[in-house]
Amino acid sequence: MTEPLPKLVDCRRLMAELHVSRSVAETLMRRLPLVVFEDVRKIFVKRSDVAALVAASTVAKDSSRVL
């Protein structure tokens, strides 16, 4: 049995699902490995990579991180 193909998202889908601006979605995509198909203009990222980045970027409310 083969593994299922990864789920891909584009910038527009990131904007919709995360409720963020285009600039935030593009910034996230720049931090992730890109999926680029020959002869296709649209660029994708793997949904699992997005989830991992969100998890790694999440801090507790009582964190000393300054905003």
PDB file of N, CA and C in Angstrom:
ATOM      1  N   MET A   1       0.842  -1.178   0.000  1.00  0.00           N
ATOM      2  CA  MET A   1       0.000   0.000   0.000  1.00  0.00           C
ATOM      3  C   MET A   1       0.885   1.238   0.000  1.00  0.00           C
ATOM      4  N   THR A   2       0.546   2.199  -0.820  1.00  0.00           N
ATOM      5  CA  THR A   2       1.336   3.422  -0.882  1.00  0.00           C
ATOM      6  C   THR A   2       0.760   4.466   0.061  1.00  0.00           C
ATOM      7  N   GLU A   3       1.615   5.368   0.491  1.00  0.00           N
ATOM      8  CA  GLU A   3       1.160   6.446   1.371  1.00  0.00           C
ATOM      9  C   GLU A   3       0.315   7.430   0.575  1.00  0.00           C
ATOM     10  N   PRO A   4      -0.645   8.052   1.222  1.00  0.00           N
ATOM     11  CA  PRO A   4      -1.451   9.051   0.508  1.00  0.00           C
ATOM     12  C   PRO A   4      -0.600  10.255   0.138  1.00  0.00           C
ATOM     13  N   LEU A   5      -0.976  10.911  -0.921  1.00  0.00           N
ATOM     14  CA  LEU A   5      -0.266  12.111  -1.346  1.00  0.00           C
ATOM     15  C   LEU A   5      -0.435  13.211  -0.302  1.00  0.00           C
ATOM     16  N   PRO A   6       0.562  14.088  -0.172  1.00  0.00           N
ATOM     17  CA  PRO A   6       0.422  15.175   0.805  1.00  0.00           C
ATOM     18  C   PRO A   6      -0.651  16.161   0.353  1.00  0.00           C
ATOM     19  N   LYS A   7      -1.312  16.764   1.309  1.00  0.00           N
ATOM     20  CA  LYS A   7      -2.303  17.787   0.997  1.00  0.00           C
ATOM     21  C   LYS A   7      -1.570  19.101   0.804  1.00  0.00           C
ATOM     22  N   LEU A   8      -1.874  19.773  -0.301  1.00  0.00           N
ATOM     23  CA  LEU A   8      -1.199  21.015  -0.645  1.00  0.00           C
ATOM     24  C   LEU A   8      -2.137  22.195  -0.476  1.00  0.00           C
ATOM     25  N   VAL A   9      -1.562  23.329  -0.102  1.00  0.00           N
ATOM     26  CA  VAL A   9      -2.327  24.567  -0.017  1.00  0.00           C
ATOM     27  C   VAL A   9      -1.550  25.669  -0.719  1.00  0.00           C
ATOM     28  N   ASP A  10      -2.281  26.613  -1.275  1.00  0.00           N
ATOM     29  CA  ASP A  10      -1.651  27.768  -1.903  1.00  0.00           C
ATOM     30  C   ASP A  10      -1.844  28.989  -1.002  1.00  0.00           C
ATOM     31  N   CYS A  11      -1.355  30.123  -1.428  1.00  0.00           N
ATOM     32  CA  CYS A  11      -1.417  31.338  -0.631  1.00  0.00           C
ATOM     33  C   CYS A  11      -2.861  31.717  -0.315  1.00  0.00           C
ATOM     34  N   ARG A  12      -3.719  31.620  -1.287  1.00  0.00           N
ATOM     35  CA  ARG A  12      -5.123  31.995  -1.084  1.00  0.00           C
ATOM     36  C   ARG A  12      -5.792  31.102  -0.044  1.00  0.00           C
ATOM     37  N   ARG A  13      -5.493  29.809  -0.097  1.00  0.00           N
ATOM     38  CA  ARG A  13      -6.080  28.870   0.870  1.00  0.00           C
ATOM     39  C   ARG A  13      -5.545  29.159   2.276  1.00  0.00           C
ATOM     40  N   LEU A  14      -4.249  29.487   2.377  1.00  0.00           N
ATOM     41  CA  LEU A  14      -3.688  29.850   3.684  1.00  0.00           C
ATOM     42  C   LEU A  14      -4.403  31.071   4.256  1.00  0.00           C
ATOM     43  N   MET A  15      -4.621  32.066   3.423  1.00  0.00           N
ATOM     44  CA  MET A  15      -5.312  33.273   3.858  1.00  0.00           C
ATOM     45  C   MET A  15      -6.695  32.916   4.417  1.00  0.00           C
ATOM     46  N   ALA A  16      -7.421  32.085   3.707  1.00  0.00           N
ATOM     47  CA  ALA A  16      -8.783  31.736   4.103  1.00  0.00           C
ATOM     48  C   ALA A  16      -8.813  30.887   5.376  1.00  0.00           C
ATOM     49  N   GLU A  17      -7.944  29.895   5.444  1.00  0.00           N
ATOM     50  CA  GLU A  17      -7.995  28.969   6.576  1.00  0.00           C
ATOM     51  C   GLU A  17      -7.423  29.569   7.860  1.00  0.00           C
ATOM     52  N   LEU A  18      -6.393  30.398   7.730  1.00  0.00           N
ATOM     53  CA  LEU A  18      -5.769  30.986   8.920  1.00  0.00           C
ATOM     54  C   LEU A  18      -6.337  32.364   9.260  1.00  0.00           C
ATOM     55  N   HIS A  19      -7.172  32.890   8.372  1.00  0.00           N
ATOM     56  CA  HIS A  19      -7.762  34.228   8.567  1.00  0.00           C
ATOM     57  C   HIS A  19      -6.659  35.277   8.745  1.00  0.00           C
ATOM     58  N   VAL A  20      -5.722  35.265   7.804  1.00  0.00           N
ATOM     59  CA  VAL A  20      -4.614  36.221   7.827  1.00  0.00           C
ATOM     60  C   VAL A  20      -4.573  36.976   6.507  1.00  0.00           C
ATOM     61  N   SER A  21      -3.797  38.060   6.487  1.00  0.00           N
ATOM     62  CA  SER A  21      -3.647  38.852   5.269  1.00  0.00           C
ATOM     63  C   SER A  21      -2.758  38.123   4.263  1.00  0.00           C
ATOM     64  N   ARG A  22      -2.770  38.626   3.056  1.00  0.00           N
ATOM     65  CA  ARG A  22      -1.931  38.039   2.007  1.00  0.00           C
ATOM     66  C   ARG A  22      -0.449  38.130   2.372  1.00  0.00           C
ATOM     67  N   SER A  23      -0.037  39.250   2.954  1.00  0.00           N
ATOM     68  CA  SER A  23       1.382  39.408   3.302  1.00  0.00           C
ATOM     69  C   SER A  23       1.808  38.394   4.358  1.00  0.00           C
ATOM     70  N   VAL A  24       0.935  38.094   5.312  1.00  0.00           N
ATOM     71  CA  VAL A  24       1.260  37.086   6.326  1.00  0.00           C
ATOM     72  C   VAL A  24       1.345  35.709   5.675  1.00  0.00           C
ATOM     73  N   ALA A  25       0.389  35.378   4.811  1.00  0.00           N
ATOM     74  CA  ALA A  25       0.407  34.079   4.133  1.00  0.00           C
ATOM     75  C   ALA A  25       1.666  33.924   3.283  1.00  0.00           C
ATOM     76  N   GLU A  26       2.059  34.978   2.577  1.00  0.00           N
ATOM     77  CA  GLU A  26       3.272  34.914   1.760  1.00  0.00           C
ATOM     78  C   GLU A  26       4.515  34.769   2.634  1.00  0.00           C
ATOM     79  N   THR A  27       4.531  35.427   3.783  1.00  0.00           N
ATOM     80  CA  THR A  27       5.661  35.299   4.709  1.00  0.00           C
ATOM     81  C   THR A  27       5.769  33.864   5.215  1.00  0.00           C
ATOM     82  N   LEU A  28       4.640  33.273   5.558  1.00  0.00           N
ATOM     83  CA  LEU A  28       4.657  31.875   6.001  1.00  0.00           C
ATOM     84  C   LEU A  28       5.186  30.969   4.903  1.00  0.00           C
ATOM     85  N   MET A  29       4.716  31.198   3.683  1.00  0.00           N
ATOM     86  CA  MET A  29       5.160  30.351   2.572  1.00  0.00           C
ATOM     87  C   MET A  29       6.661  30.478   2.324  1.00  0.00           C
ATOM     88  N   ARG A  30       7.224  31.662   2.540  1.00  0.00           N
ATOM     89  CA  ARG A  30       8.672  31.838   2.350  1.00  0.00           C
ATOM     90  C   ARG A  30       9.482  31.051   3.378  1.00  0.00           C
ATOM     91  N   ARG A  31       8.884  30.747   4.514  1.00  0.00           N
ATOM     92  CA  ARG A  31       9.585  30.014   5.572  1.00  0.00           C
ATOM     93  C   ARG A  31       9.491  28.503   5.398  1.00  0.00           C
ATOM     94  N   LEU A  32       8.707  28.055   4.422  1.00  0.00           N
ATOM     95  CA  LEU A  32       8.461  26.622   4.242  1.00  0.00           C
ATOM     96  C   LEU A  32       9.027  26.122   2.919  1.00  0.00           C
ATOM     97  N   PRO A  33       9.305  24.810   2.843  1.00  0.00           N
ATOM     98  CA  PRO A  33       9.697  24.236   1.550  1.00  0.00           C
ATOM     99  C   PRO A  33       8.530  24.373   0.570  1.00  0.00           C
ATOM    100  N   LEU A  34       8.827  24.805  -0.636  1.00  0.00           N
ATOM    101  CA  LEU A  34       7.795  25.023  -1.642  1.00  0.00           C
ATOM    102  C   LEU A  34       7.616  23.795  -2.526  1.00  0.00           C
ATOM    103  N   VAL A  35       6.390  23.598  -2.984  1.00  0.00           N
ATOM    104  CA  VAL A  35       6.092  22.551  -3.961  1.00  0.00           C
ATOM    105  C   VAL A  35       5.814  23.272  -5.270  1.00  0.00           C
ATOM    106  N   VAL A  36       6.690  23.055  -6.248  1.00  0.00           N
ATOM    107  CA  VAL A  36       6.595  23.751  -7.527  1.00  0.00           C
ATOM    108  C   VAL A  36       6.560  22.708  -8.636  1.00  0.00           C
ATOM    109  N   PHE A  37       5.517  22.775  -9.448  1.00  0.00           N
ATOM    110  CA  PHE A  37       5.378  21.852 -10.564  1.00  0.00           C
ATOM    111  C   PHE A  37       5.783  22.556 -11.850  1.00  0.00           C
ATOM    112  N   GLU A  38       6.476  21.823 -12.703  1.00  0.00           N
ATOM    113  CA  GLU A  38       6.887  22.359 -13.990  1.00  0.00           C
ATOM    114  C   GLU A  38       5.656  22.765 -14.792  1.00  0.00           C
ATOM    115  N   ASP A  39       5.740  23.904 -15.431  1.00  0.00           N
ATOM    116  CA  ASP A  39       4.672  24.450 -16.274  1.00  0.00           C
ATOM    117  C   ASP A  39       3.408  24.852 -15.499  1.00  0.00           C
ATOM    118  N   VAL A  40       3.512  24.978 -14.192  1.00  0.00           N
ATOM    119  CA  VAL A  40       2.389  25.442 -13.373  1.00  0.00           C
ATOM    120  C   VAL A  40       2.851  26.685 -12.630  1.00  0.00           C
ATOM    121  N   ARG A  41       2.123  27.776 -12.769  1.00  0.00           N
ATOM    122  CA  ARG A  41       2.518  29.043 -12.148  1.00  0.00           C
ATOM    123  C   ARG A  41       2.272  29.074 -10.642  1.00  0.00           C
ATOM    124  N   LYS A  42       1.264  28.370 -10.195  1.00  0.00           N
ATOM    125  CA  LYS A  42       0.892  28.399  -8.783  1.00  0.00           C
ATOM    126  C   LYS A  42       1.907  27.644  -7.941  1.00  0.00           C
ATOM    127  N   ILE A  43       2.194  28.177  -6.763  1.00  0.00           N
ATOM    128  CA  ILE A  43       3.140  27.575  -5.830  1.00  0.00           C
ATOM    129  C   ILE A  43       2.360  27.082  -4.622  1.00  0.00           C
ATOM    130  N   PHE A  44       2.756  25.930  -4.105  1.00  0.00           N
ATOM    131  CA  PHE A  44       2.065  25.308  -2.989  1.00  0.00           C
ATOM    132  C   PHE A  44       3.037  25.028  -1.852  1.00  0.00           C
ATOM    133  N   VAL A  45       2.459  24.778  -0.677  1.00  0.00           N
ATOM    134  CA  VAL A  45       3.205  24.239   0.459  1.00  0.00           C
ATOM    135  C   VAL A  45       2.401  23.062   0.991  1.00  0.00           C
ATOM    136  N   LYS A  46       3.064  22.186   1.709  1.00  0.00           N
ATOM    137  CA  LYS A  46       2.373  21.034   2.287  1.00  0.00           C
ATOM    138  C   LYS A  46       1.629  21.481   3.542  1.00  0.00           C
ATOM    139  N   ARG A  47       0.404  21.035   3.651  1.00  0.00           N
ATOM    140  CA  ARG A  47      -0.409  21.365   4.820  1.00  0.00           C
ATOM    141  C   ARG A  47       0.290  20.924   6.109  1.00  0.00           C
ATOM    142  N   SER A  48       0.948  19.781   6.088  1.00  0.00           N
ATOM    143  CA  SER A  48       1.639  19.292   7.286  1.00  0.00           C
ATOM    144  C   SER A  48       2.790  20.221   7.680  1.00  0.00           C
ATOM    145  N   ASP A  49       3.461  20.836   6.688  1.00  0.00           N
ATOM    146  CA  ASP A  49       4.531  21.795   6.997  1.00  0.00           C
ATOM    147  C   ASP A  49       3.959  23.055   7.642  1.00  0.00           C
ATOM    148  N   VAL A  50       2.790  23.492   7.164  1.00  0.00           N
ATOM    149  CA  VAL A  50       2.136  24.664   7.752  1.00  0.00           C
ATOM    150  C   VAL A  50       1.768  24.364   9.204  1.00  0.00           C
ATOM    151  N   ALA A  51       1.174  23.199   9.439  1.00  0.00           N
ATOM    152  CA  ALA A  51       0.777  22.818  10.801  1.00  0.00           C
ATOM    153  C   ALA A  51       1.986  22.756  11.725  1.00  0.00           C
ATOM    154  N   ALA A  52       3.098  22.220  11.230  1.00  0.00           N
ATOM    155  CA  ALA A  52       4.316  22.138  12.047  1.00  0.00           C
ATOM    156  C   ALA A  52       4.848  23.527  12.371  1.00  0.00           C
ATOM    157  N   LEU A  53       4.802  24.455  11.403  1.00  0.00           N
ATOM    158  CA  LEU A  53       5.272  25.820  11.643  1.00  0.00           C
ATOM    159  C   LEU A  53       4.388  26.523  12.666  1.00  0.00           C
ATOM    160  N   VAL A  54       3.082  26.342  12.557  1.00  0.00           N
ATOM    161  CA  VAL A  54       2.166  26.947  13.525  1.00  0.00           C
ATOM    162  C   VAL A  54       2.445  26.386  14.922  1.00  0.00           C
ATOM    163  N   ALA A  55       2.625  25.087  15.027  1.00  0.00           N
ATOM    164  CA  ALA A  55       2.902  24.468  16.327  1.00  0.00           C
ATOM    165  C   ALA A  55       4.226  24.975  16.907  1.00  0.00           C
ATOM    166  N   ALA A  56       5.241  25.085  16.070  1.00  0.00           N
ATOM    167  CA  ALA A  56       6.549  25.544  16.543  1.00  0.00           C
ATOM    168  C   ALA A  56       6.547  27.022  16.913  1.00  0.00           C
ATOM    169  N   SER A  57       5.597  27.775  16.368  1.00  0.00           N
ATOM    170  CA  SER A  57       5.532  29.212  16.613  1.00  0.00           C
ATOM    171  C   SER A  57       4.562  29.581  17.728  1.00  0.00           C
ATOM    172  N   THR A  58       3.923  28.600  18.302  1.00  0.00           N
ATOM    173  CA  THR A  58       2.938  28.859  19.342  1.00  0.00           C
ATOM    174  C   THR A  58       3.632  28.954  20.697  1.00  0.00           C
ATOM    175  N   VAL A  59       3.331  30.049  21.427  1.00  0.00           N
ATOM    176  CA  VAL A  59       3.923  30.253  22.746  1.00  0.00           C
ATOM    177  C   VAL A  59       2.808  30.404  23.776  1.00  0.00           C
ATOM    178  N   ALA A  60       3.111  30.081  25.012  1.00  0.00           N
ATOM    179  CA  ALA A  60       2.127  30.212  26.090  1.00  0.00           C
ATOM    180  C   ALA A  60       1.876  31.682  26.387  1.00  0.00           C
ATOM    181  N   LYS A  61       0.693  31.976  26.895  1.00  0.00           N
ATOM    182  CA  LYS A  61       0.340  33.346  27.227  1.00  0.00           C
ATOM    183  C   LYS A  61       1.288  33.952  28.252  1.00  0.00           C
ATOM    184  N   ASP A  62       1.804  33.139  29.160  1.00  0.00           N
ATOM    185  CA  ASP A  62       2.704  33.665  30.189  1.00  0.00           C
ATOM    186  C   ASP A  62       4.169  33.639  29.754  1.00  0.00           C
ATOM    187  N   SER A  63       4.390  33.433  28.473  1.00  0.00           N
ATOM    188  CA  SER A  63       5.745  33.411  27.933  1.00  0.00           C
ATOM    189  C   SER A  63       6.397  34.782  28.066  1.00  0.00           C
ATOM    190  N   SER A  64       7.705  34.796  28.149  1.00  0.00           N
ATOM    191  CA  SER A  64       8.433  36.070  28.276  1.00  0.00           C
ATOM    192  C   SER A  64       8.670  36.705  26.920  1.00  0.00           C
ATOM    193  N   ARG A  65       8.144  36.111  25.867  1.00  0.00           N
ATOM    194  CA  ARG A  65       8.318  36.661  24.513  1.00  0.00           C
ATOM    195  C   ARG A  65       7.652  38.026  24.427  1.00  0.00           C
ATOM    196  N   VAL A  66       8.385  39.010  23.940  1.00  0.00           N
ATOM    197  CA  VAL A  66       7.862  40.361  23.825  1.00  0.00           C
ATOM    198  C   VAL A  66       7.304  40.546  22.428  1.00  0.00           C
ATOM    199  N   LEU A  67       6.101  41.088  22.331  1.00  0.00           N
ATOM    200  CA  LEU A  67       5.478  41.319  21.035  1.00  0.00           C
ATOM    201  C   LEU A  67       5.746  42.714  20.553  1.00  0.00           C
TER     202      LEU A  67
END
